[in-house]
Amino acid sequence: MVRPQNTTVNPFSLFVREETLHCVASSDPSTPPLISWYRLVPGGGMTQVNSSDRLAIDRAGSLRFHGVADAEWILLKGWYRCQADNGYTSDSADVFLHVLTSPPAPTQCEFTARTLQRV
């Protein structure tokens, strides 16, 4: 199983409208794994993620966020669980989708370039 990686989304970037949480499982070809995604709820519960206009589980089993407006990202922040099951065994992995709530500080190079532009 390729476990998903914690991911940070920067909604302040004009180009961030998509993000993918990858989850890949392999099994005997006669029993291919079914991958399901869940959103973990504070207090220990979880709800199954279903495809919608903003979320889709692709053929490989990864969870894809698409067409998300910058203000919507904060609603998607949180813990997600990828679960693979082939009918005989199952495995799962948790991943956190972090969303920045303020623009990141400029790098030293960006700061120097902006300073030089003003002079």
PDB file of N, CA and C in Angstrom:
ATOM      1  N   MET A   1       0.847  -1.176   0.000  1.00  0.00           N
ATOM      2  CA  MET A   1       0.000   0.000   0.000  1.00  0.00           C
ATOM      3  C   MET A   1       0.892   1.237   0.000  1.00  0.00           C
ATOM      4  N   VAL A   2       0.579   2.190  -0.864  1.00  0.00           N
ATOM      5  CA  VAL A   2       1.241   3.491  -0.827  1.00  0.00           C
ATOM      6  C   VAL A   2       0.387   4.371   0.070  1.00  0.00           C
ATOM      7  N   ARG A   3       0.933   4.727   1.189  1.00  0.00           N
ATOM      8  CA  ARG A   3       0.175   5.500   2.171  1.00  0.00           C
ATOM      9  C   ARG A   3       0.137   6.972   1.772  1.00  0.00           C
ATOM     10  N   PRO A   4      -1.003   7.618   2.000  1.00  0.00           N
ATOM     11  CA  PRO A   4      -1.103   9.040   1.664  1.00  0.00           C
ATOM     12  C   PRO A   4      -0.204   9.867   2.573  1.00  0.00           C
ATOM     13  N   GLN A   5       0.218  11.008   2.076  1.00  0.00           N
ATOM     14  CA  GLN A   5       1.090  11.910   2.818  1.00  0.00           C
ATOM     15  C   GLN A   5       0.297  13.115   3.306  1.00  0.00           C
ATOM     16  N   ASN A   6       0.612  13.583   4.526  1.00  0.00           N
ATOM     17  CA  ASN A   6      -0.007  14.818   5.004  1.00  0.00           C
ATOM     18  C   ASN A   6       0.267  15.904   3.971  1.00  0.00           C
ATOM     19  N   THR A   7      -0.722  16.746   3.735  1.00  0.00           N
ATOM     20  CA  THR A   7      -0.657  17.722   2.660  1.00  0.00           C
ATOM     21  C   THR A   7      -1.084  19.086   3.165  1.00  0.00           C
ATOM     22  N   THR A   8      -0.402  20.138   2.705  1.00  0.00           N
ATOM     23  CA  THR A   8      -0.776  21.506   3.034  1.00  0.00           C
ATOM     24  C   THR A   8      -1.236  22.207   1.768  1.00  0.00           C
ATOM     25  N   VAL A   9      -2.394  22.843   1.850  1.00  0.00           N
ATOM     26  CA  VAL A   9      -2.954  23.597   0.727  1.00  0.00           C
ATOM     27  C   VAL A   9      -2.786  25.074   1.020  1.00  0.00           C
ATOM     28  N   ASN A  10      -2.320  25.824   0.023  1.00  0.00           N
ATOM     29  CA  ASN A  10      -2.193  27.271   0.134  1.00  0.00           C
ATOM     30  C   ASN A  10      -3.291  27.910  -0.716  1.00  0.00           C
ATOM     31  N   PRO A  11      -4.455  28.230  -0.123  1.00  0.00           N
ATOM     32  CA  PRO A  11      -5.559  28.789  -0.904  1.00  0.00           C
ATOM     33  C   PRO A  11      -5.283  30.204  -1.412  1.00  0.00           C
ATOM     34  N   PHE A  12      -4.181  30.811  -0.994  1.00  0.00           N
ATOM     35  CA  PHE A  12      -3.854  32.161  -1.436  1.00  0.00           C
ATOM     36  C   PHE A  12      -3.166  32.159  -2.793  1.00  0.00           C
ATOM     37  N   SER A  13      -2.747  30.983  -3.237  1.00  0.00           N
ATOM     38  CA  SER A  13      -2.183  30.857  -4.571  1.00  0.00           C
ATOM     39  C   SER A  13      -3.326  30.889  -5.568  1.00  0.00           C
ATOM     40  N   LEU A  14      -3.180  31.663  -6.606  1.00  0.00           N
ATOM     41  CA  LEU A  14      -4.238  31.776  -7.608  1.00  0.00           C
ATOM     42  C   LEU A  14      -4.479  30.471  -8.352  1.00  0.00           C
ATOM     43  N   PHE A  15      -3.521  29.575  -8.287  1.00  0.00           N
ATOM     44  CA  PHE A  15      -3.608  28.360  -9.089  1.00  0.00           C
ATOM     45  C   PHE A  15      -4.036  27.131  -8.301  1.00  0.00           C
ATOM     46  N   VAL A  16      -4.239  27.257  -6.994  1.00  0.00           N
ATOM     47  CA  VAL A  16      -4.624  26.097  -6.196  1.00  0.00           C
ATOM     48  C   VAL A  16      -6.131  25.929  -6.237  1.00  0.00           C
ATOM     49  N   ARG A  17      -6.567  25.042  -7.086  1.00  0.00           N
ATOM     50  CA  ARG A  17      -7.980  24.686  -7.182  1.00  0.00           C
ATOM     51  C   ARG A  17      -8.148  23.177  -7.056  1.00  0.00           C
ATOM     52  N   GLU A  18      -7.002  22.461  -7.094  1.00  0.00           N
ATOM     53  CA  GLU A  18      -7.017  21.011  -7.005  1.00  0.00           C
ATOM     54  C   GLU A  18      -5.939  20.528  -6.053  1.00  0.00           C
ATOM     55  N   GLU A  19      -6.222  19.407  -5.441  1.00  0.00           N
ATOM     56  CA  GLU A  19      -5.229  18.718  -4.613  1.00  0.00           C
ATOM     57  C   GLU A  19      -5.623  17.256  -4.618  1.00  0.00           C
ATOM     58  N   THR A  20      -4.646  16.365  -4.497  1.00  0.00           N
ATOM     59  CA  THR A  20      -4.925  14.939  -4.500  1.00  0.00           C
ATOM     60  C   THR A  20      -4.230  14.285  -3.319  1.00  0.00           C
ATOM     61  N   LEU A  21      -4.983  13.458  -2.602  1.00  0.00           N
ATOM     62  CA  LEU A  21      -4.419  12.622  -1.555  1.00  0.00           C
ATOM     63  C   LEU A  21      -4.306  11.229  -2.167  1.00  0.00           C
ATOM     64  N   HIS A  22      -3.080  10.779  -2.371  1.00  0.00           N
ATOM     65  CA  HIS A  22      -2.835   9.510  -3.060  1.00  0.00           C
ATOM     66  C   HIS A  22      -2.908   8.336  -2.092  1.00  0.00           C
ATOM     67  N   CYS A  23      -3.522   7.275  -2.558  1.00  0.00           N
ATOM     68  CA  CYS A  23      -3.592   6.035  -1.799  1.00  0.00           C
ATOM     69  C   CYS A  23      -3.629   4.904  -2.816  1.00  0.00           C
ATOM     70  N   VAL A  24      -2.643   4.039  -2.770  1.00  0.00           N
ATOM     71  CA  VAL A  24      -2.559   2.946  -3.734  1.00  0.00           C
ATOM     72  C   VAL A  24      -2.406   1.641  -2.963  1.00  0.00           C
ATOM     73  N   ALA A  25      -3.207   0.657  -3.329  1.00  0.00           N
ATOM     74  CA  ALA A  25      -3.120  -0.660  -2.701  1.00  0.00           C
ATOM     75  C   ALA A  25      -2.983  -1.711  -3.780  1.00  0.00           C
ATOM     76  N   SER A  26      -2.245  -2.762  -3.458  1.00  0.00           N
ATOM     77  CA  SER A  26      -2.118  -3.862  -4.407  1.00  0.00           C
ATOM     78  C   SER A  26      -2.555  -5.150  -3.726  1.00  0.00           C
ATOM     79  N   SER A  27      -2.924  -6.105  -4.559  1.00  0.00           N
ATOM     80  CA  SER A  27      -3.449  -7.360  -4.045  1.00  0.00           C
ATOM     81  C   SER A  27      -3.300  -8.409  -5.135  1.00  0.00           C
ATOM     82  N   ASP A  28      -3.633  -9.608  -4.817  1.00  0.00           N
ATOM     83  CA  ASP A  28      -3.694 -10.666  -5.817  1.00  0.00           C
ATOM     84  C   ASP A  28      -4.665 -10.219  -6.910  1.00  0.00           C
ATOM     85  N   PRO A  29      -4.319 -10.371  -8.190  1.00  0.00           N
ATOM     86  CA  PRO A  29      -5.203  -9.910  -9.266  1.00  0.00           C
ATOM     87  C   PRO A  29      -6.617 -10.494  -9.215  1.00  0.00           C
ATOM     88  N   SER A  30      -6.769 -11.654  -8.602  1.00  0.00           N
ATOM     89  CA  SER A  30      -8.105 -12.257  -8.525  1.00  0.00           C
ATOM     90  C   SER A  30      -8.979 -11.586  -7.465  1.00  0.00           C
ATOM     91  N   THR A  31      -8.365 -10.812  -6.570  1.00  0.00           N
ATOM     92  CA  THR A  31      -9.127 -10.095  -5.538  1.00  0.00           C
ATOM     93  C   THR A  31      -8.639  -8.651  -5.458  1.00  0.00           C
ATOM     94  N   PRO A  32      -8.954  -7.836  -6.474  1.00  0.00           N
ATOM     95  CA  PRO A  32      -8.467  -6.446  -6.461  1.00  0.00           C
ATOM     96  C   PRO A  32      -9.039  -5.684  -5.273  1.00  0.00           C
ATOM     97  N   PRO A  33      -8.239  -4.794  -4.696  1.00  0.00           N
ATOM     98  CA  PRO A  33      -8.702  -4.046  -3.526  1.00  0.00           C
ATOM     99  C   PRO A  33      -9.700  -2.951  -3.910  1.00  0.00           C
ATOM    100  N   LEU A  34     -10.629  -2.723  -3.021  1.00  0.00           N
ATOM    101  CA  LEU A  34     -11.564  -1.610  -3.133  1.00  0.00           C
ATOM    102  C   LEU A  34     -11.080  -0.550  -2.155  1.00  0.00           C
ATOM    103  N   ILE A  35     -10.873   0.663  -2.649  1.00  0.00           N
ATOM    104  CA  ILE A  35     -10.393   1.743  -1.784  1.00  0.00           C
ATOM    105  C   ILE A  35     -11.549   2.681  -1.467  1.00  0.00           C
ATOM    106  N   SER A  36     -11.716   2.934  -0.178  1.00  0.00           N
ATOM    107  CA  SER A  36     -12.740   3.862   0.305  1.00  0.00           C
ATOM    108  C   SER A  36     -12.053   4.957   1.104  1.00  0.00           C
ATOM    109  N   TRP A  37     -12.670   6.127   1.123  1.00  0.00           N
ATOM    110  CA  TRP A  37     -12.153   7.259   1.886  1.00  0.00           C
ATOM    111  C   TRP A  37     -13.182   7.680   2.923  1.00  0.00           C
ATOM    112  N   TYR A  38     -12.673   8.085   4.093  1.00  0.00           N
ATOM    113  CA  TYR A  38     -13.525   8.544   5.186  1.00  0.00           C
ATOM    114  C   TYR A  38     -12.970   9.843   5.726  1.00  0.00           C
ATOM    115  N   ARG A  39     -13.853  10.687   6.213  1.00  0.00           N
ATOM    116  CA  ARG A  39     -13.439  11.899   6.914  1.00  0.00           C
ATOM    117  C   ARG A  39     -13.607  11.622   8.392  1.00  0.00           C
ATOM    118  N   LEU A  40     -12.529  11.816   9.149  1.00  0.00           N
ATOM    119  CA  LEU A  40     -12.573  11.551  10.575  1.00  0.00           C
ATOM    120  C   LEU A  40     -13.211  12.739  11.290  1.00  0.00           C
ATOM    121  N   VAL A  41     -14.118  12.427  12.192  1.00  0.00           N
ATOM    122  CA  VAL A  41     -14.880  13.446  12.905  1.00  0.00           C
ATOM    123  C   VAL A  41     -14.324  13.557  14.318  1.00  0.00           C
ATOM    124  N   PRO A  42     -14.150  14.781  14.840  1.00  0.00           N
ATOM    125  CA  PRO A  42     -13.679  14.917  16.212  1.00  0.00           C
ATOM    126  C   PRO A  42     -14.557  14.088  17.159  1.00  0.00           C
ATOM    127  N   GLY A  43     -13.919  13.369  18.065  1.00  0.00           N
ATOM    128  CA  GLY A  43     -14.646  12.528  18.993  1.00  0.00           C
ATOM    129  C   GLY A  43     -14.609  11.062  18.610  1.00  0.00           C
ATOM    130  N   GLY A  44     -13.983  10.727  17.471  1.00  0.00           N
ATOM    131  CA  GLY A  44     -13.782   9.336  17.125  1.00  0.00           C
ATOM    132  C   GLY A  44     -14.628   8.774  16.013  1.00  0.00           C
ATOM    133  N   GLY A  45     -15.609   9.487  15.523  1.00  0.00           N
ATOM    134  CA  GLY A  45     -16.421   8.955  14.435  1.00  0.00           C
ATOM    135  C   GLY A  45     -15.805   9.237  13.078  1.00  0.00           C
ATOM    136  N   MET A  46     -16.455   8.715  12.053  1.00  0.00           N
ATOM    137  CA  MET A  46     -16.012   9.011  10.697  1.00  0.00           C
ATOM    138  C   MET A  46     -17.202   8.894   9.750  1.00  0.00           C
ATOM    139  N   THR A  47     -17.120   9.690   8.677  1.00  0.00           N
ATOM    140  CA  THR A  47     -18.160   9.641   7.650  1.00  0.00           C
ATOM    141  C   THR A  47     -17.503   9.288   6.326  1.00  0.00           C
ATOM    142  N   GLN A  48     -18.185   8.492   5.540  1.00  0.00           N
ATOM    143  CA  GLN A  48     -17.633   8.085   4.253  1.00  0.00           C
ATOM    144  C   GLN A  48     -17.674   9.250   3.283  1.00  0.00           C
ATOM    145  N   VAL A  49     -16.592   9.416   2.538  1.00  0.00           N
ATOM    146  CA  VAL A  49     -16.508  10.457   1.523  1.00  0.00           C
ATOM    147  C   VAL A  49     -17.136   9.910   0.249  1.00  0.00           C
ATOM    148  N   ASN A  50     -18.111  10.616  -0.262  1.00  0.00           N
ATOM    149  CA  ASN A  50     -18.749  10.251  -1.519  1.00  0.00           C
ATOM    150  C   ASN A  50     -18.373  11.279  -2.569  1.00  0.00           C
ATOM    151  N   SER A  51     -18.321  10.855  -3.811  1.00  0.00           N
ATOM    152  CA  SER A  51     -18.010  11.785  -4.894  1.00  0.00           C
ATOM    153  C   SER A  51     -19.059  12.882  -4.941  1.00  0.00           C
ATOM    154  N   SER A  52     -18.599  14.088  -5.184  1.00  0.00           N
ATOM    155  CA  SER A  52     -19.478  15.252  -5.274  1.00  0.00           C
ATOM    156  C   SER A  52     -18.889  16.202  -6.302  1.00  0.00           C
ATOM    157  N   ASP A  53     -19.412  17.427  -6.336  1.00  0.00           N
ATOM    158  CA  ASP A  53     -18.861  18.408  -7.276  1.00  0.00           C
ATOM    159  C   ASP A  53     -17.479  18.889  -6.848  1.00  0.00           C
ATOM    160  N   ARG A  54     -17.049  18.610  -5.623  1.00  0.00           N
ATOM    161  CA  ARG A  54     -15.737  19.041  -5.145  1.00  0.00           C
ATOM    162  C   ARG A  54     -14.795  17.886  -4.818  1.00  0.00           C
ATOM    163  N   LEU A  55     -15.329  16.681  -4.652  1.00  0.00           N
ATOM    164  CA  LEU A  55     -14.522  15.524  -4.264  1.00  0.00           C
ATOM    165  C   LEU A  55     -14.783  14.367  -5.216  1.00  0.00           C
ATOM    166  N   ALA A  56     -13.717  13.638  -5.543  1.00  0.00           N
ATOM    167  CA  ALA A  56     -13.876  12.459  -6.387  1.00  0.00           C
ATOM    168  C   ALA A  56     -12.806  11.437  -6.008  1.00  0.00           C
ATOM    169  N   ILE A  57     -13.194  10.179  -6.027  1.00  0.00           N
ATOM    170  CA  ILE A  57     -12.233   9.102  -5.830  1.00  0.00           C
ATOM    171  C   ILE A  57     -11.923   8.571  -7.222  1.00  0.00           C
ATOM    172  N   ASP A  58     -10.662   8.714  -7.633  1.00  0.00           N
ATOM    173  CA  ASP A  58     -10.313   8.315  -8.995  1.00  0.00           C
ATOM    174  C   ASP A  58     -10.154   6.800  -9.101  1.00  0.00           C
ATOM    175  N   ARG A  59      -9.925   6.310 -10.300  1.00  0.00           N
ATOM    176  CA  ARG A  59      -9.851   4.864 -10.559  1.00  0.00           C
ATOM    177  C   ARG A  59      -8.740   4.187  -9.765  1.00  0.00           C
ATOM    178  N   ALA A  60      -7.674   4.935  -9.483  1.00  0.00           N
ATOM    179  CA  ALA A  60      -6.555   4.373  -8.718  1.00  0.00           C
ATOM    180  C   ALA A  60      -6.833   4.369  -7.220  1.00  0.00           C
ATOM    181  N   GLY A  61      -7.886   5.075  -6.788  1.00  0.00           N
ATOM    182  CA  GLY A  61      -8.234   5.105  -5.369  1.00  0.00           C
ATOM    183  C   GLY A  61      -7.811   6.363  -4.647  1.00  0.00           C
ATOM    184  N   SER A  62      -7.214   7.312  -5.346  1.00  0.00           N
ATOM    185  CA  SER A  62      -6.808   8.565  -4.709  1.00  0.00           C
ATOM    186  C   SER A  62      -8.008   9.496  -4.569  1.00  0.00           C
ATOM    187  N   LEU A  63      -7.979  10.322  -3.539  1.00  0.00           N
ATOM    188  CA  LEU A  63      -9.045  11.293  -3.292  1.00  0.00           C
ATOM    189  C   LEU A  63      -8.637  12.616  -3.911  1.00  0.00           C
ATOM    190  N   ARG A  64      -9.461  13.097  -4.848  1.00  0.00           N
ATOM    191  CA  ARG A  64      -9.133  14.316  -5.584  1.00  0.00           C
ATOM    192  C   ARG A  64     -10.118  15.416  -5.227  1.00  0.00           C
ATOM    193  N   PHE A  65      -9.566  16.548  -4.786  1.00  0.00           N
ATOM    194  CA  PHE A  65     -10.345  17.756  -4.527  1.00  0.00           C
ATOM    195  C   PHE A  65     -10.217  18.598  -5.789  1.00  0.00           C
ATOM    196  N   HIS A  66     -11.318  19.037  -6.367  1.00  0.00           N
ATOM    197  CA  HIS A  66     -11.216  19.783  -7.624  1.00  0.00           C
ATOM    198  C   HIS A  66     -12.242  20.916  -7.651  1.00  0.00           C
ATOM    199  N   GLY A  67     -11.884  21.980  -8.339  1.00  0.00           N
ATOM    200  CA  GLY A  67     -12.771  23.131  -8.470  1.00  0.00           C
ATOM    201  C   GLY A  67     -13.074  23.819  -7.154  1.00  0.00           C
ATOM    202  N   VAL A  68     -12.152  23.756  -6.221  1.00  0.00           N
ATOM    203  CA  VAL A  68     -12.377  24.314  -4.886  1.00  0.00           C
ATOM    204  C   VAL A  68     -11.967  25.789  -4.871  1.00  0.00           C
ATOM    205  N   ALA A  69     -12.880  26.638  -4.472  1.00  0.00           N
ATOM    206  CA  ALA A  69     -12.579  28.071  -4.343  1.00  0.00           C
ATOM    207  C   ALA A  69     -11.749  28.285  -3.081  1.00  0.00           C
ATOM    208  N   ASP A  70     -10.969  29.358  -3.075  1.00  0.00           N
ATOM    209  CA  ASP A  70     -10.070  29.595  -1.945  1.00  0.00           C
ATOM    210  C   ASP A  70     -10.784  29.613  -0.597  1.00  0.00           C
ATOM    211  N   ALA A  71     -11.976  30.179  -0.504  1.00  0.00           N
ATOM    212  CA  ALA A  71     -12.698  30.242   0.767  1.00  0.00           C
ATOM    213  C   ALA A  71     -13.263  28.877   1.182  1.00  0.00           C
ATOM    214  N   GLU A  72     -13.386  27.954   0.245  1.00  0.00           N
ATOM    215  CA  GLU A  72     -13.950  26.636   0.546  1.00  0.00           C
ATOM    216  C   GLU A  72     -12.932  25.669   1.158  1.00  0.00           C
ATOM    217  N   TRP A  73     -11.651  25.914   0.920  1.00  0.00           N
ATOM    218  CA  TRP A  73     -10.628  24.987   1.406  1.00  0.00           C
ATOM    219  C   TRP A  73     -10.710  24.767   2.905  1.00  0.00           C
ATOM    220  N   ILE A  74     -10.960  25.823   3.661  1.00  0.00           N
ATOM    221  CA  ILE A  74     -10.965  25.713   5.123  1.00  0.00           C
ATOM    222  C   ILE A  74     -12.017  24.703   5.590  1.00  0.00           C
ATOM    223  N   LEU A  75     -13.101  24.546   4.839  1.00  0.00           N
ATOM    224  CA  LEU A  75     -14.142  23.586   5.196  1.00  0.00           C
ATOM    225  C   LEU A  75     -13.695  22.142   4.966  1.00  0.00           C
ATOM    226  N   LEU A  76     -12.681  21.959   4.144  1.00  0.00           N
ATOM    227  CA  LEU A  76     -12.195  20.621   3.815  1.00  0.00           C
ATOM    228  C   LEU A  76     -11.012  20.186   4.680  1.00  0.00           C
ATOM    229  N   LYS A  77     -10.505  21.101   5.483  1.00  0.00           N
ATOM    230  CA  LYS A  77      -9.367  20.823   6.366  1.00  0.00           C
ATOM    231  C   LYS A  77      -9.728  19.704   7.342  1.00  0.00           C
ATOM    232  N   GLY A  78      -8.767  18.831   7.607  1.00  0.00           N
ATOM    233  CA  GLY A  78      -8.987  17.807   8.626  1.00  0.00           C
ATOM    234  C   GLY A  78      -8.347  16.474   8.293  1.00  0.00           C
ATOM    235  N   TRP A  79      -8.693  15.477   9.093  1.00  0.00           N
ATOM    236  CA  TRP A  79      -8.157  14.125   8.953  1.00  0.00           C
ATOM    237  C   TRP A  79      -9.016  13.306   8.013  1.00  0.00           C
ATOM    238  N   TYR A  80      -8.350  12.541   7.163  1.00  0.00           N
ATOM    239  CA  TYR A  80      -9.009  11.635   6.230  1.00  0.00           C
ATOM    240  C   TYR A  80      -8.385  10.244   6.393  1.00  0.00           C
ATOM    241  N   ARG A  81      -9.166   9.213   6.111  1.00  0.00           N
ATOM    242  CA  ARG A  81      -8.663   7.842   6.177  1.00  0.00           C
ATOM    243  C   ARG A  81      -8.894   7.148   4.838  1.00  0.00           C
ATOM    244  N   CYS A  82      -7.836   6.543   4.350  1.00  0.00           N
ATOM    245  CA  CYS A  82      -7.885   5.714   3.155  1.00  0.00           C
ATOM    246  C   CYS A  82      -7.946   4.273   3.645  1.00  0.00           C
ATOM    247  N   GLN A  83      -8.940   3.517   3.164  1.00  0.00           N
ATOM    248  CA  GLN A  83      -9.065   2.121   3.574  1.00  0.00           C
ATOM    249  C   GLN A  83      -9.136   1.238   2.335  1.00  0.00           C
ATOM    250  N   ALA A  84      -8.265   0.235   2.287  1.00  0.00           N
ATOM    251  CA  ALA A  84      -8.233  -0.720   1.188  1.00  0.00           C
ATOM    252  C   ALA A  84      -8.692  -2.071   1.715  1.00  0.00           C
ATOM    253  N   ASP A  85      -9.579  -2.713   0.959  1.00  0.00           N
ATOM    254  CA  ASP A  85     -10.138  -4.002   1.379  1.00  0.00           C
ATOM    255  C   ASP A  85     -10.320  -4.880   0.145  1.00  0.00           C
ATOM    256  N   ASN A  86      -9.773  -6.089   0.188  1.00  0.00           N
ATOM    257  CA  ASN A  86      -9.932  -7.002  -0.950  1.00  0.00           C
ATOM    258  C   ASN A  86     -10.873  -8.166  -0.627  1.00  0.00           C
ATOM    259  N   GLY A  87     -11.595  -8.078   0.477  1.00  0.00           N
ATOM    260  CA  GLY A  87     -12.509  -9.143   0.879  1.00  0.00           C
ATOM    261  C   GLY A  87     -11.889 -10.155   1.823  1.00  0.00           C
ATOM    262  N   TYR A  88     -10.566 -10.167   1.897  1.00  0.00           N
ATOM    263  CA  TYR A  88      -9.862 -11.085   2.799  1.00  0.00           C
ATOM    264  C   TYR A  88      -9.106 -10.328   3.881  1.00  0.00           C
ATOM    265  N   THR A  89      -8.455  -9.261   3.473  1.00  0.00           N
ATOM    266  CA  THR A  89      -7.715  -8.423   4.417  1.00  0.00           C
ATOM    267  C   THR A  89      -8.000  -6.963   4.103  1.00  0.00           C
ATOM    268  N   SER A  90      -7.705  -6.130   5.076  1.00  0.00           N
ATOM    269  CA  SER A  90      -7.863  -4.697   4.852  1.00  0.00           C
ATOM    270  C   SER A  90      -6.712  -3.970   5.532  1.00  0.00           C
ATOM    271  N   ASP A  91      -6.482  -2.761   5.074  1.00  0.00           N
ATOM    272  CA  ASP A  91      -5.451  -1.902   5.640  1.00  0.00           C
ATOM    273  C   ASP A  91      -5.942  -0.474   5.506  1.00  0.00           C
ATOM    274  N   SER A  92      -5.483   0.387   6.393  1.00  0.00           N
ATOM    275  CA  SER A  92      -5.898   1.777   6.309  1.00  0.00           C
ATOM    276  C   SER A  92      -4.746   2.692   6.706  1.00  0.00           C
ATOM    277  N   ALA A  93      -4.871   3.938   6.300  1.00  0.00           N
ATOM    278  CA  ALA A  93      -3.877   4.954   6.638  1.00  0.00           C
ATOM    279  C   ALA A  93      -4.595   6.290   6.787  1.00  0.00           C
ATOM    280  N   ASP A  94      -4.159   7.074   7.774  1.00  0.00           N
ATOM    281  CA  ASP A  94      -4.738   8.389   8.011  1.00  0.00           C
ATOM    282  C   ASP A  94      -3.822   9.466   7.464  1.00  0.00           C
ATOM    283  N   VAL A  95      -4.432  10.539   7.004  1.00  0.00           N
ATOM    284  CA  VAL A  95      -3.686  11.661   6.430  1.00  0.00           C
ATOM    285  C   VAL A  95      -4.391  12.952   6.831  1.00  0.00           C
ATOM    286  N   PHE A  96      -3.605  14.008   7.063  1.00  0.00           N
ATOM    287  CA  PHE A  96      -4.176  15.298   7.450  1.00  0.00           C
ATOM    288  C   PHE A  96      -4.064  16.280   6.292  1.00  0.00           C
ATOM    289  N   LEU A  97      -5.182  16.906   5.954  1.00  0.00           N
ATOM    290  CA  LEU A  97      -5.196  17.969   4.954  1.00  0.00           C
ATOM    291  C   LEU A  97      -5.198  19.287   5.719  1.00  0.00           C
ATOM    292  N   HIS A  98      -4.060  19.968   5.666  1.00  0.00           N
ATOM    293  CA  HIS A  98      -3.904  21.252   6.361  1.00  0.00           C
ATOM    294  C   HIS A  98      -4.148  22.377   5.355  1.00  0.00           C
ATOM    295  N   VAL A  99      -4.811  23.425   5.796  1.00  0.00           N
ATOM    296  CA  VAL A  99      -5.098  24.568   4.936  1.00  0.00           C
ATOM    297  C   VAL A  99      -4.548  25.817   5.605  1.00  0.00           C
ATOM    298  N   LEU A 100      -3.700  26.547   4.887  1.00  0.00           N
ATOM    299  CA  LEU A 100      -3.151  27.783   5.430  1.00  0.00           C
ATOM    300  C   LEU A 100      -4.267  28.807   5.609  1.00  0.00           C
ATOM    301  N   THR A 101      -4.232  29.541   6.715  1.00  0.00           N
ATOM    302  CA  THR A 101      -5.251  30.559   6.964  1.00  0.00           C
ATOM    303  C   THR A 101      -4.721  31.969   6.750  1.00  0.00           C
ATOM    304  N   SER A 102      -3.442  32.079   6.449  1.00  0.00           N
ATOM    305  CA  SER A 102      -2.862  33.367   6.067  1.00  0.00           C
ATOM    306  C   SER A 102      -1.771  33.072   5.044  1.00  0.00           C
ATOM    307  N   PRO A 103      -1.468  34.051   4.195  1.00  0.00           N
ATOM    308  CA  PRO A 103      -0.442  33.807   3.170  1.00  0.00           C
ATOM    309  C   PRO A 103       0.891  33.460   3.819  1.00  0.00           C
ATOM    310  N   PRO A 104       1.660  32.578   3.207  1.00  0.00           N
ATOM    311  CA  PRO A 104       2.973  32.248   3.761  1.00  0.00           C
ATOM    312  C   PRO A 104       3.911  33.441   3.663  1.00  0.00           C
ATOM    313  N   ALA A 105       4.849  33.521   4.596  1.00  0.00           N
ATOM    314  CA  ALA A 105       5.839  34.598   4.570  1.00  0.00           C
ATOM    315  C   ALA A 105       6.703  34.445   3.323  1.00  0.00           C
ATOM    316  N   PRO A 106       7.114  35.563   2.723  1.00  0.00           N
ATOM    317  CA  PRO A 106       7.958  35.458   1.527  1.00  0.00           C
ATOM    318  C   PRO A 106       9.314  34.850   1.866  1.00  0.00           C
ATOM    319  N   THR A 107       9.889  34.165   0.904  1.00  0.00           N
ATOM    320  CA  THR A 107      11.235  33.636   1.093  1.00  0.00           C
ATOM    321  C   THR A 107      12.215  34.806   1.062  1.00  0.00           C
ATOM    322  N   GLN A 108      13.438  34.575   1.483  1.00  0.00           N
ATOM    323  CA  GLN A 108      14.466  35.622   1.471  1.00  0.00           C
ATOM    324  C   GLN A 108      14.652  36.156   0.055  1.00  0.00           C
ATOM    325  N   CYS A 109      14.631  35.282  -0.928  1.00  0.00           N
ATOM    326  CA  CYS A 109      14.812  35.681  -2.325  1.00  0.00           C
ATOM    327  C   CYS A 109      13.650  36.574  -2.780  1.00  0.00           C
ATOM    328  N   GLU A 110      12.409  36.187  -2.450  1.00  0.00           N
ATOM    329  CA  GLU A 110      11.245  36.992  -2.830  1.00  0.00           C
ATOM    330  C   GLU A 110      11.281  38.355  -2.133  1.00  0.00           C
ATOM    331  N   PHE A 111      11.667  38.371  -0.850  1.00  0.00           N
ATOM    332  CA  PHE A 111      11.735  39.618  -0.102  1.00  0.00           C
ATOM    333  C   PHE A 111      12.763  40.558  -0.725  1.00  0.00           C
ATOM    334  N   THR A 112      13.928  40.022  -1.061  1.00  0.00           N
ATOM    335  CA  THR A 112      14.985  40.838  -1.664  1.00  0.00           C
ATOM    336  C   THR A 112      14.527  41.368  -3.023  1.00  0.00           C
ATOM    337  N   ALA A 113      13.880  40.556  -3.825  1.00  0.00           N
ATOM    338  CA  ALA A 113      13.407  40.992  -5.149  1.00  0.00           C
ATOM    339  C   ALA A 113      12.374  42.107  -5.020  1.00  0.00           C
ATOM    340  N   ARG A 114      11.457  41.989  -4.058  1.00  0.00           N
ATOM    341  CA  ARG A 114      10.443  43.037  -3.846  1.00  0.00           C
ATOM    342  C   ARG A 114      11.084  44.337  -3.363  1.00  0.00           C
ATOM    343  N   THR A 115      12.066  44.207  -2.489  1.00  0.00           N
ATOM    344  CA  THR A 115      12.753  45.384  -1.959  1.00  0.00           C
ATOM    345  C   THR A 115      13.485  46.108  -3.075  1.00  0.00           C
ATOM    346  N   LEU A 116      14.149  45.364  -3.953  1.00  0.00           N
ATOM    347  CA  LEU A 116      14.897  45.967  -5.042  1.00  0.00           C
ATOM    348  C   LEU A 116      13.953  46.627  -6.071  1.00  0.00           C
ATOM    349  N   GLN A 117      12.763  46.088  -6.253  1.00  0.00           N
ATOM    350  CA  GLN A 117      11.801  46.667  -7.176  1.00  0.00           C
ATOM    351  C   GLN A 117      11.318  48.019  -6.705  1.00  0.00           C
ATOM    352  N   ARG A 118      11.271  48.217  -5.413  1.00  0.00           N
ATOM    353  CA  ARG A 118      10.770  49.488  -4.848  1.00  0.00           C
ATOM    354  C   ARG A 118      11.796  50.605  -4.943  1.00  0.00           C
ATOM    355  N   VAL A 119      13.070  50.236  -5.060  1.00  0.00           N
ATOM    356  CA  VAL A 119      14.141  51.244  -5.062  1.00  0.00           C
ATOM    357  C   VAL A 119      14.275  51.883  -6.403  1.00  0.00           C
TER     358      VAL A 119
END
